[in-house]
Protein backbone atom coordinates (compact mmCIF):
# COMPACT_ATOMS: atom_id res chain seq x y z
CA MET A 1 49.94 21.24 -12.83
CA GLU A 2 50.11 24.08 -15.35
CA ARG A 3 50.10 27.48 -13.73
CA GLU A 4 48.39 30.50 -15.22
CA TYR A 5 48.97 34.00 -14.01
CA ARG A 6 47.68 35.85 -17.04
CA ASN A 7 47.43 39.61 -16.97
CA ILE A 8 49.23 39.97 -13.63
CA TYR A 9 50.64 43.28 -14.86
CA LYS A 10 47.16 44.51 -15.79
CA SER A 11 45.89 43.30 -12.43
CA ALA A 12 48.57 45.34 -10.66
CA ARG A 13 47.59 48.44 -12.61
CA GLU A 14 43.88 47.93 -11.97
CA THR A 15 44.57 47.40 -8.26
CA ALA A 16 46.34 50.74 -8.26
CA GLY A 17 43.30 52.24 -10.01
CA LEU A 18 45.32 53.84 -12.80
CA THR A 19 44.99 54.15 -16.56
CA GLN A 20 47.72 52.70 -18.73
CA GLU A 21 49.06 56.19 -19.37
CA ARG A 22 49.14 57.20 -15.72
CA TRP A 23 50.59 53.78 -14.73
CA ALA A 24 53.38 54.32 -17.27
CA GLU A 25 54.14 57.73 -15.77
CA VAL A 26 54.25 56.37 -12.23
CA LEU A 27 56.54 53.50 -13.25
CA GLY A 28 58.76 55.69 -15.43
CA ILE A 29 58.12 53.68 -18.60
CA SER A 30 56.23 54.26 -21.84
CA ALA A 31 52.52 53.57 -22.27
CA ASP A 32 53.53 51.33 -25.19
CA ALA A 33 55.60 49.21 -22.77
CA VAL A 34 52.58 48.89 -20.47
CA ARG A 35 50.45 47.69 -23.41
CA LYS A 36 53.10 45.12 -24.33
CA TYR A 37 53.31 43.83 -20.75
CA GLU A 38 49.55 43.57 -20.46
CA GLY A 39 49.28 41.97 -23.89
CA GLY A 40 51.83 39.33 -23.00
CA THR A 41 54.25 40.15 -25.81
CA VAL A 42 57.05 41.36 -23.51
CA PHE A 43 58.04 40.69 -19.90
CA PRO A 44 58.86 43.73 -17.78
CA SER A 45 62.22 43.87 -16.06
CA ASP A 46 62.43 42.78 -12.44
CA GLU A 47 62.98 46.42 -11.45
CA VAL A 48 59.74 47.50 -13.15
CA VAL A 49 57.84 44.66 -11.46
CA LEU A 50 59.23 45.69 -8.08
CA ARG A 51 57.91 49.21 -8.69
CA MET A 52 54.55 47.79 -9.75
CA ALA A 53 54.34 45.75 -6.54
CA GLU A 54 55.24 48.74 -4.40
CA VAL A 55 52.75 51.06 -6.10
CA CYS A 56 49.83 48.61 -6.06
CA GLY A 57 50.73 47.09 -2.67
CA GLN A 58 50.63 43.49 -3.91
CA HIS A 59 54.06 41.95 -3.57
CA ILE A 60 52.72 38.60 -4.75
CA ILE A 61 53.03 40.14 -8.24
CA CYS A 62 56.82 39.65 -7.91
CA TYR A 63 56.33 35.98 -7.07
CA TRP A 64 53.99 35.39 -10.00
CA HIS A 65 56.33 37.33 -12.30
CA LEU A 66 59.17 34.94 -11.44
CA ILE A 67 56.99 31.96 -12.27
CA GLN A 68 55.86 33.46 -15.58
CA LYS A 69 59.33 34.57 -16.58
CA SER A 70 61.27 31.44 -15.64
CA ARG A 71 60.36 27.88 -16.52
CA CYS A 72 62.74 26.75 -13.77
CA ALA A 73 60.91 28.84 -11.17
CA GLY A 74 57.62 27.47 -12.47
CA LYS A 75 58.85 23.94 -11.81
CA VAL A 76 60.16 24.44 -8.28
CA LEU A 77 58.02 27.16 -6.71
CA PRO A 78 54.63 26.13 -5.33
CA ASP A 79 51.31 27.52 -6.50
CA VAL A 80 50.40 30.45 -4.27
CA LYS A 81 46.95 31.97 -4.03
CA VAL A 82 45.96 35.30 -2.58
CA ARG A 83 44.18 34.69 0.71
CA THR A 84 42.91 36.88 3.47
CA LEU A 85 45.11 36.98 6.55
CA PRO A 86 42.78 34.78 8.67
CA GLU A 87 42.45 32.27 5.80
CA ALA A 88 46.21 32.14 5.33
CA VAL A 89 46.89 31.59 9.04
CA LEU A 90 44.33 28.78 9.29
CA ASN A 91 45.55 27.17 6.07
CA LEU A 92 49.15 27.17 7.30
CA LEU A 93 48.15 25.67 10.64
CA VAL A 94 46.20 22.88 8.92
CA LYS A 95 49.07 22.12 6.53
CA ILE A 96 51.60 22.01 9.38
CA GLN A 97 49.32 19.74 11.39
CA ASP A 98 48.78 17.42 8.39
CA PHE A 99 52.52 17.23 7.79
CA SER A 100 53.28 16.67 11.46
CA LYS A 101 50.90 13.74 11.70
CA GLN A 102 52.23 11.58 8.89
CA GLY A 103 54.89 13.39 6.90
CA LEU A 104 57.45 13.69 9.68
CA THR A 105 56.93 10.08 10.69
CA ASP A 106 57.37 8.91 7.09
CA LEU A 107 60.46 11.03 6.47
CA THR A 108 62.06 9.91 9.74
CA ARG A 109 61.46 6.26 8.88
CA LEU A 110 62.65 6.70 5.30
CA ALA A 111 65.82 8.52 6.34
CA SER A 112 66.83 5.94 8.94
CA ASP A 113 68.87 3.87 6.47
CA GLY A 114 69.78 6.73 4.11
CA LYS A 115 68.08 5.11 1.11
CA ILE A 116 64.66 5.13 -0.48
CA SER A 117 63.75 1.65 -1.60
CA GLY A 118 61.24 0.86 -4.33
CA GLU A 119 58.44 0.28 -1.86
CA GLU A 120 59.26 3.54 -0.04
CA VAL A 121 59.05 5.78 -3.12
CA LEU A 122 55.31 6.40 -2.82
CA ALA A 123 55.49 7.31 0.89
CA TYR A 124 58.47 9.57 0.20
CA GLY A 125 56.61 11.35 -2.61
CA GLU A 126 53.55 11.87 -0.42
CA ALA A 127 55.67 13.26 2.44
CA ILE A 128 57.46 15.65 0.09
CA GLN A 129 54.13 16.84 -1.34
CA GLU A 130 52.85 17.53 2.18
CA LEU A 131 56.01 19.52 2.85
CA ARG A 132 55.50 21.49 -0.38
CA ASP A 133 51.96 22.26 0.78
CA VAL A 134 53.40 23.69 4.01
CA VAL A 135 55.81 25.87 2.02
CA ALA A 136 53.00 27.11 -0.25
CA ALA A 137 50.87 27.94 2.79
CA ALA A 138 53.78 29.88 4.30
CA TYR A 139 54.08 31.96 1.12
CA GLU A 140 50.33 32.56 1.16
CA LEU A 141 50.65 33.88 4.70
CA GLU A 142 53.50 36.17 3.64
CA TYR A 143 51.39 37.60 0.79
CA ALA A 144 48.05 37.59 2.63
CA GLU A 145 45.76 40.55 2.28
CA GLU A 146 44.90 42.40 5.43
CA ALA A 147 41.33 43.39 6.11
CA GLU A 148 40.53 46.96 5.19
């Protein structure tokens, strides 16, 4: 699945409620750099993104930055959505329960002989996907928004 996190740097600025000029001042960069980040022509450094996340209070920006910046990260990190804290907790519980029901059973059976045969490939793939869903839900809990 292709991931899109367009304008995450603009989103961070808007969350902070700042103009491009004021955002640049707060981050210690030029307004021109802010325009380039928001226009997608340049990626900010990790240090600048960390400051953005701290100022706007959305640390998920760092996660999305990694995915945008690195094709490798985009291939191995799960899609993570911003959820409210209650949503994130319930989602994680459901994903763990789903995995516990079938995924653990499948993985235990598949691992018993140390090999994945041709007929086991589908079950293995499904179990791994369920496990990835658990990991994504855990990240969503970590980045959940608290009620104001």
